[in-house]
Amino acid sequence: RDVFIRLLYGGQHAILVGFSAVLLSTLLA
């Protein structure tokens, strides 16, 4: 599997999960 392609998709997932968690945590706090 192409590592560069997987790195791009992994970065998209990390950023979406990170921002979602931070947004919900900030709203709750």
PDB file of all heavy atoms in Angstrom:
ATOM      1  N   ARG A   1       0.833  -1.199   0.000  1.00  0.00           N
ATOM      2  CA  ARG A   1       0.000   0.000   0.000  1.00  0.00           C
ATOM      3  C   ARG A   1       0.872   1.255   0.000  1.00  0.00           C
ATOM      4  O   ARG A   1       1.912   1.294   0.658  1.00  0.00           O
ATOM      5  CB  ARG A   1      -0.927   0.005   1.216  1.00  0.00           C
ATOM      6  CG  ARG A   1      -1.917  -1.150   1.221  1.00  0.00           C
ATOM      7  CD  ARG A   1      -2.706  -1.234   2.506  1.00  0.00           C
ATOM      8  NE  ARG A   1      -1.843  -1.529   3.645  1.00  0.00           N
ATOM      9  CZ  ARG A   1      -2.283  -1.840   4.862  1.00  0.00           C
ATOM     10  NH1 ARG A   1      -3.592  -1.910   5.086  1.00  0.00           N
ATOM     11  NH2 ARG A   1      -1.441  -2.087   5.842  1.00  0.00           N
ATOM     12  N   ASP A   2       0.439   2.272  -0.725  1.00  0.00           N
ATOM     13  CA  ASP A   2       1.195   3.513  -0.834  1.00  0.00           C
ATOM     14  C   ASP A   2       1.162   4.252   0.508  1.00  0.00           C
ATOM     15  O   ASP A   2       0.093   4.640   0.987  1.00  0.00           O
ATOM     16  CB  ASP A   2       0.597   4.394  -1.938  1.00  0.00           C
ATOM     17  CG  ASP A   2       1.511   5.549  -2.309  1.00  0.00           C
ATOM     18  OD1 ASP A   2       1.857   6.338  -1.412  1.00  0.00           O
ATOM     19  OD2 ASP A   2       1.876   5.668  -3.492  1.00  0.00           O
ATOM     20  N   VAL A   3       2.319   4.451   1.114  1.00  0.00           N
ATOM     21  CA  VAL A   3       2.399   5.070   2.440  1.00  0.00           C
ATOM     22  C   VAL A   3       1.983   6.533   2.390  1.00  0.00           C
ATOM     23  O   VAL A   3       1.335   7.041   3.315  1.00  0.00           O
ATOM     24  CB  VAL A   3       3.823   4.928   3.010  1.00  0.00           C
ATOM     25  CG1 VAL A   3       3.949   5.663   4.336  1.00  0.00           C
ATOM     26  CG2 VAL A   3       4.173   3.465   3.194  1.00  0.00           C
ATOM     27  N   PHE A   4       2.334   7.244   1.325  1.00  0.00           N
ATOM     28  CA  PHE A   4       1.975   8.662   1.218  1.00  0.00           C
ATOM     29  C   PHE A   4       0.457   8.838   1.181  1.00  0.00           C
ATOM     30  O   PHE A   4      -0.087   9.733   1.847  1.00  0.00           O
ATOM     31  CB  PHE A   4       2.612   9.264  -0.034  1.00  0.00           C
ATOM     32  CG  PHE A   4       2.296  10.719  -0.239  1.00  0.00           C
ATOM     33  CD1 PHE A   4       2.839  11.684   0.591  1.00  0.00           C
ATOM     34  CD2 PHE A   4       1.440  11.124  -1.253  1.00  0.00           C
ATOM     35  CE1 PHE A   4       2.544  13.031   0.424  1.00  0.00           C
ATOM     36  CE2 PHE A   4       1.142  12.464  -1.436  1.00  0.00           C
ATOM     37  CZ  PHE A   4       1.697  13.412  -0.604  1.00  0.00           C
ATOM     38  N   ILE A   5      -0.229   7.985   0.413  1.00  0.00           N
ATOM     39  CA  ILE A   5      -1.696   8.063   0.353  1.00  0.00           C
ATOM     40  C   ILE A   5      -2.303   7.762   1.717  1.00  0.00           C
ATOM     41  O   ILE A   5      -3.221   8.449   2.180  1.00  0.00           O
ATOM     42  CB  ILE A   5      -2.237   7.085  -0.704  1.00  0.00           C
ATOM     43  CG1 ILE A   5      -1.638   7.395  -2.085  1.00  0.00           C
ATOM     44  CG2 ILE A   5      -3.756   7.148  -0.753  1.00  0.00           C
ATOM     45  CD1 ILE A   5      -1.951   8.765  -2.597  1.00  0.00           C
ATOM     46  N   ARG A   6      -1.789   6.746   2.377  1.00  0.00           N
ATOM     47  CA  ARG A   6      -2.310   6.381   3.706  1.00  0.00           C
ATOM     48  C   ARG A   6      -2.000   7.480   4.724  1.00  0.00           C
ATOM     49  O   ARG A   6      -2.772   7.720   5.653  1.00  0.00           O
ATOM     50  CB  ARG A   6      -1.719   5.051   4.162  1.00  0.00           C
ATOM     51  CG  ARG A   6      -2.248   3.872   3.368  1.00  0.00           C
ATOM     52  CD  ARG A   6      -1.638   2.550   3.808  1.00  0.00           C
ATOM     53  NE  ARG A   6      -1.898   2.234   5.209  1.00  0.00           N
ATOM     54  CZ  ARG A   6      -3.051   1.751   5.653  1.00  0.00           C
ATOM     55  NH1 ARG A   6      -4.064   1.547   4.820  1.00  0.00           N
ATOM     56  NH2 ARG A   6      -3.205   1.467   6.936  1.00  0.00           N
ATOM     57  N   LEU A   7      -0.880   8.146   4.556  1.00  0.00           N
ATOM     58  CA  LEU A   7      -0.525   9.249   5.454  1.00  0.00           C
ATOM     59  C   LEU A   7      -1.509  10.405   5.302  1.00  0.00           C
ATOM     60  O   LEU A   7      -1.913  11.025   6.297  1.00  0.00           O
ATOM     61  CB  LEU A   7       0.897   9.719   5.153  1.00  0.00           C
ATOM     62  CG  LEU A   7       1.547  10.622   6.200  1.00  0.00           C
ATOM     63  CD1 LEU A   7       1.937   9.808   7.432  1.00  0.00           C
ATOM     64  CD2 LEU A   7       2.785  11.289   5.610  1.00  0.00           C
ATOM     65  N   LEU A   8      -1.923  10.696   4.068  1.00  0.00           N
ATOM     66  CA  LEU A   8      -2.887  11.768   3.831  1.00  0.00           C
ATOM     67  C   LEU A   8      -4.235  11.447   4.464  1.00  0.00           C
ATOM     68  O   LEU A   8      -4.830  12.286   5.147  1.00  0.00           O
ATOM     69  CB  LEU A   8      -3.055  12.005   2.327  1.00  0.00           C
ATOM     70  CG  LEU A   8      -1.845  12.571   1.572  1.00  0.00           C
ATOM     71  CD1 LEU A   8      -2.176  12.703   0.089  1.00  0.00           C
ATOM     72  CD2 LEU A   8      -1.421  13.914   2.134  1.00  0.00           C
ATOM     73  N   TYR A   9      -4.710  10.240   4.240  1.00  0.00           N
ATOM     74  CA  TYR A   9      -5.997   9.845   4.822  1.00  0.00           C
ATOM     75  C   TYR A   9      -5.906   9.767   6.352  1.00  0.00           C
ATOM     76  O   TYR A   9      -6.861  10.111   7.058  1.00  0.00           O
ATOM     77  CB  TYR A   9      -6.444   8.502   4.253  1.00  0.00           C
ATOM     78  CG  TYR A   9      -7.112   8.611   2.904  1.00  0.00           C
ATOM     79  CD1 TYR A   9      -6.359   8.608   1.736  1.00  0.00           C
ATOM     80  CD2 TYR A   9      -8.493   8.722   2.799  1.00  0.00           C
ATOM     81  CE1 TYR A   9      -6.966   8.714   0.492  1.00  0.00           C
ATOM     82  CE2 TYR A   9      -9.108   8.826   1.559  1.00  0.00           C
ATOM     83  CZ  TYR A   9      -8.341   8.824   0.415  1.00  0.00           C
ATOM     84  OH  TYR A   9      -8.953   8.936  -0.807  1.00  0.00           O
ATOM     85  N   GLY A  10      -4.768   9.320   6.864  1.00  0.00           N
ATOM     86  CA  GLY A  10      -4.580   9.297   8.313  1.00  0.00           C
ATOM     87  C   GLY A  10      -4.563  10.690   8.907  1.00  0.00           C
ATOM     88  O   GLY A  10      -5.097  10.922  10.001  1.00  0.00           O
ATOM     89  N   GLY A  11      -3.951  11.639   8.201  1.00  0.00           N
ATOM     90  CA  GLY A  11      -3.948  13.021   8.677  1.00  0.00           C
ATOM     91  C   GLY A  11      -5.333  13.622   8.687  1.00  0.00           C
ATOM     92  O   GLY A  11      -5.711  14.350   9.616  1.00  0.00           O
ATOM     93  N   GLN A  12      -6.123  13.333   7.658  1.00  0.00           N
ATOM     94  CA  GLN A  12      -7.504  13.819   7.631  1.00  0.00           C
ATOM     95  C   GLN A  12      -8.289  13.284   8.822  1.00  0.00           C
ATOM     96  O   GLN A  12      -9.019  14.030   9.492  1.00  0.00           O
ATOM     97  CB  GLN A  12      -8.180  13.394   6.325  1.00  0.00           C
ATOM     98  CG  GLN A  12      -9.592  13.924   6.163  1.00  0.00           C
ATOM     99  CD  GLN A  12     -10.287  13.319   4.961  1.00  0.00           C
ATOM    100  OE1 GLN A  12     -10.374  12.096   4.826  1.00  0.00           O
ATOM    101  NE2 GLN A  12     -10.784  14.164   4.083  1.00  0.00           N
ATOM    102  N   HIS A  13      -8.118  12.002   9.110  1.00  0.00           N
ATOM    103  CA  HIS A  13      -8.843  11.403  10.231  1.00  0.00           C
ATOM    104  C   HIS A  13      -8.374  11.984  11.561  1.00  0.00           C
ATOM    105  O   HIS A  13      -9.187  12.301  12.440  1.00  0.00           O
ATOM    106  CB  HIS A  13      -8.644   9.888  10.222  1.00  0.00           C
ATOM    107  CG  HIS A  13      -9.317   9.205  11.360  1.00  0.00           C
ATOM    108  ND1 HIS A  13      -8.664   8.879  12.534  1.00  0.00           N
ATOM    109  CD2 HIS A  13     -10.607   8.793  11.522  1.00  0.00           C
ATOM    110  CE1 HIS A  13      -9.513   8.305  13.352  1.00  0.00           C
ATOM    111  NE2 HIS A  13     -10.684   8.229  12.780  1.00  0.00           N
ATOM    112  N   ALA A  14      -7.056  12.151  11.736  1.00  0.00           N
ATOM    113  CA  ALA A  14      -6.525  12.686  12.995  1.00  0.00           C
ATOM    114  C   ALA A  14      -7.041  14.098  13.243  1.00  0.00           C
ATOM    115  O   ALA A  14      -7.412  14.448  14.372  1.00  0.00           O
ATOM    116  CB  ALA A  14      -5.001  12.672  12.964  1.00  0.00           C
ATOM    117  N   ILE A  15      -7.079  14.918  12.200  1.00  0.00           N
ATOM    118  CA  ILE A  15      -7.522  16.299  12.359  1.00  0.00           C
ATOM    119  C   ILE A  15      -9.018  16.363  12.632  1.00  0.00           C
ATOM    120  O   ILE A  15      -9.480  17.126  13.500  1.00  0.00           O
ATOM    121  CB  ILE A  15      -7.149  17.115  11.111  1.00  0.00           C
ATOM    122  CG1 ILE A  15      -5.626  17.276  11.032  1.00  0.00           C
ATOM    123  CG2 ILE A  15      -7.815  18.485  11.132  1.00  0.00           C
ATOM    124  CD1 ILE A  15      -5.133  17.852   9.743  1.00  0.00           C
ATOM    125  N   LEU A  16      -9.817  15.550  11.919  1.00  0.00           N
ATOM    126  CA  LEU A  16     -11.263  15.562  12.143  1.00  0.00           C
ATOM    127  C   LEU A  16     -11.613  15.079  13.551  1.00  0.00           C
ATOM    128  O   LEU A  16     -12.435  15.696  14.239  1.00  0.00           O
ATOM    129  CB  LEU A  16     -11.949  14.692  11.096  1.00  0.00           C
ATOM    130  CG  LEU A  16     -11.975  15.248   9.668  1.00  0.00           C
ATOM    131  CD1 LEU A  16     -12.606  14.240   8.716  1.00  0.00           C
ATOM    132  CD2 LEU A  16     -12.727  16.566   9.615  1.00  0.00           C
ATOM    133  N   VAL A  17     -10.991  13.991  13.981  1.00  0.00           N
ATOM    134  CA  VAL A  17     -11.248  13.484  15.333  1.00  0.00           C
ATOM    135  C   VAL A  17     -10.754  14.479  16.372  1.00  0.00           C
ATOM    136  O   VAL A  17     -11.448  14.756  17.368  1.00  0.00           O
ATOM    137  CB  VAL A  17     -10.577  12.111  15.523  1.00  0.00           C
ATOM    138  CG1 VAL A  17     -10.629  11.682  16.990  1.00  0.00           C
ATOM    139  CG2 VAL A  17     -11.257  11.060  14.660  1.00  0.00           C
ATOM    140  N   GLY A  18      -9.551  15.041  16.149  1.00  0.00           N
ATOM    141  CA  GLY A  18      -8.998  15.994  17.112  1.00  0.00           C
ATOM    142  C   GLY A  18      -9.856  17.235  17.258  1.00  0.00           C
ATOM    143  O   GLY A  18     -10.183  17.653  18.379  1.00  0.00           O
ATOM    144  N   PHE A  19     -10.255  17.833  16.137  1.00  0.00           N
ATOM    145  CA  PHE A  19     -11.067  19.040  16.199  1.00  0.00           C
ATOM    146  C   PHE A  19     -12.458  18.750  16.759  1.00  0.00           C
ATOM    147  O   PHE A  19     -13.014  19.582  17.490  1.00  0.00           O
ATOM    148  CB  PHE A  19     -11.174  19.678  14.811  1.00  0.00           C
ATOM    149  CG  PHE A  19     -10.044  20.607  14.478  1.00  0.00           C
ATOM    150  CD1 PHE A  19      -8.991  20.184  13.702  1.00  0.00           C
ATOM    151  CD2 PHE A  19     -10.032  21.905  14.952  1.00  0.00           C
ATOM    152  CE1 PHE A  19      -7.941  21.024  13.399  1.00  0.00           C
ATOM    153  CE2 PHE A  19      -8.991  22.766  14.656  1.00  0.00           C
ATOM    154  CZ  PHE A  19      -7.940  22.325  13.873  1.00  0.00           C
ATOM    155  N   SER A  20     -13.029  17.607  16.417  1.00  0.00           N
ATOM    156  CA  SER A  20     -14.345  17.257  16.966  1.00  0.00           C
ATOM    157  C   SER A  20     -14.286  17.104  18.476  1.00  0.00           C
ATOM    158  O   SER A  20     -15.152  17.612  19.205  1.00  0.00           O
ATOM    159  CB  SER A  20     -14.851  15.961  16.326  1.00  0.00           C
ATOM    160  OG  SER A  20     -14.986  16.099  14.936  1.00  0.00           O
ATOM    161  N   ALA A  21     -13.255  16.398  18.960  1.00  0.00           N
ATOM    162  CA  ALA A  21     -13.116  16.206  20.404  1.00  0.00           C
ATOM    163  C   ALA A  21     -12.868  17.535  21.117  1.00  0.00           C
ATOM    164  O   ALA A  21     -13.448  17.797  22.178  1.00  0.00           O
ATOM    165  CB  ALA A  21     -11.973  15.232  20.691  1.00  0.00           C
ATOM    166  N   VAL A  22     -12.018  18.381  20.534  1.00  0.00           N
ATOM    167  CA  VAL A  22     -11.719  19.673  21.159  1.00  0.00           C
ATOM    168  C   VAL A  22     -12.959  20.558  21.162  1.00  0.00           C
ATOM    169  O   VAL A  22     -13.245  21.251  22.156  1.00  0.00           O
ATOM    170  CB  VAL A  22     -10.549  20.354  20.423  1.00  0.00           C
ATOM    171  CG1 VAL A  22     -10.411  21.805  20.859  1.00  0.00           C
ATOM    172  CG2 VAL A  22      -9.260  19.598  20.680  1.00  0.00           C
ATOM    173  N   LEU A  23     -13.718  20.559  20.069  1.00  0.00           N
ATOM    174  CA  LEU A  23     -14.925  21.393  19.999  1.00  0.00           C
ATOM    175  C   LEU A  23     -15.952  20.960  21.035  1.00  0.00           C
ATOM    176  O   LEU A  23     -16.495  21.793  21.781  1.00  0.00           O
ATOM    177  CB  LEU A  23     -15.519  21.313  18.595  1.00  0.00           C
ATOM    178  CG  LEU A  23     -16.828  22.083  18.373  1.00  0.00           C
ATOM    179  CD1 LEU A  23     -16.615  23.577  18.616  1.00  0.00           C
ATOM    180  CD2 LEU A  23     -17.362  21.849  16.965  1.00  0.00           C
ATOM    181  N   LEU A  24     -16.233  19.663  21.107  1.00  0.00           N
ATOM    182  CA  LEU A  24     -17.209  19.179  22.083  1.00  0.00           C
ATOM    183  C   LEU A  24     -16.726  19.401  23.517  1.00  0.00           C
ATOM    184  O   LEU A  24     -17.514  19.774  24.400  1.00  0.00           O
ATOM    185  CB  LEU A  24     -17.490  17.699  21.846  1.00  0.00           C
ATOM    186  CG  LEU A  24     -18.224  17.350  20.546  1.00  0.00           C
ATOM    187  CD1 LEU A  24     -18.353  15.842  20.403  1.00  0.00           C
ATOM    188  CD2 LEU A  24     -19.595  18.014  20.514  1.00  0.00           C
ATOM    189  N   SER A  25     -15.439  19.176  23.752  1.00  0.00           N
ATOM    190  CA  SER A  25     -14.892  19.379  25.089  1.00  0.00           C
ATOM    191  C   SER A  25     -14.985  20.846  25.497  1.00  0.00           C
ATOM    192  O   SER A  25     -15.339  21.169  26.645  1.00  0.00           O
ATOM    193  CB  SER A  25     -13.442  18.903  25.124  1.00  0.00           C
ATOM    194  OG  SER A  25     -12.842  19.191  26.372  1.00  0.00           O
ATOM    195  N   THR A  26     -14.683  21.748  24.563  1.00  0.00           N
ATOM    196  CA  THR A  26     -14.742  23.181  24.868  1.00  0.00           C
ATOM    197  C   THR A  26     -16.167  23.631  25.135  1.00  0.00           C
ATOM    198  O   THR A  26     -16.422  24.415  26.055  1.00  0.00           O
ATOM    199  CB  THR A  26     -14.142  23.981  23.703  1.00  0.00           C
ATOM    200  OG1 THR A  26     -12.794  23.547  23.477  1.00  0.00           O
ATOM    201  CG2 THR A  26     -14.141  25.467  24.013  1.00  0.00           C
ATOM    202  N   LEU A  27     -17.123  23.140  24.333  1.00  0.00           N
ATOM    203  CA  LEU A  27     -18.526  23.512  24.547  1.00  0.00           C
ATOM    204  C   LEU A  27     -19.027  23.015  25.901  1.00  0.00           C
ATOM    205  O   LEU A  27     -19.704  23.756  26.636  1.00  0.00           O
ATOM    206  CB  LEU A  27     -19.388  22.932  23.426  1.00  0.00           C
ATOM    207  CG  LEU A  27     -19.232  23.571  22.046  1.00  0.00           C
ATOM    208  CD1 LEU A  27     -20.068  22.829  21.017  1.00  0.00           C
ATOM    209  CD2 LEU A  27     -19.625  25.041  22.080  1.00  0.00           C
ATOM    210  N   LEU A  28     -18.701  21.763  26.234  1.00  0.00           N
ATOM    211  CA  LEU A  28     -19.126  21.216  27.524  1.00  0.00           C
ATOM    212  C   LEU A  28     -18.481  21.965  28.682  1.00  0.00           C
ATOM    213  O   LEU A  28     -19.154  22.303  29.679  1.00  0.00           O
ATOM    214  CB  LEU A  28     -18.774  19.735  27.593  1.00  0.00           C
ATOM    215  CG  LEU A  28     -19.116  19.004  28.894  1.00  0.00           C
ATOM    216  CD1 LEU A  28     -20.605  19.074  29.178  1.00  0.00           C
ATOM    217  CD2 LEU A  28     -18.649  17.553  28.838  1.00  0.00           C
ATOM    218  N   ALA A  29     -17.190  22.240  28.556  1.00  0.00           N
ATOM    219  CA  ALA A  29     -16.484  22.951  29.626  1.00  0.00           C
ATOM    220  C   ALA A  29     -17.005  24.371  29.782  1.00  0.00           C
ATOM    221  O   ALA A  29     -17.187  24.862  30.906  1.00  0.00           O
ATOM    222  CB  ALA A  29     -14.988  22.961  29.333  1.00  0.00           C
TER     223      ALA A  29
END
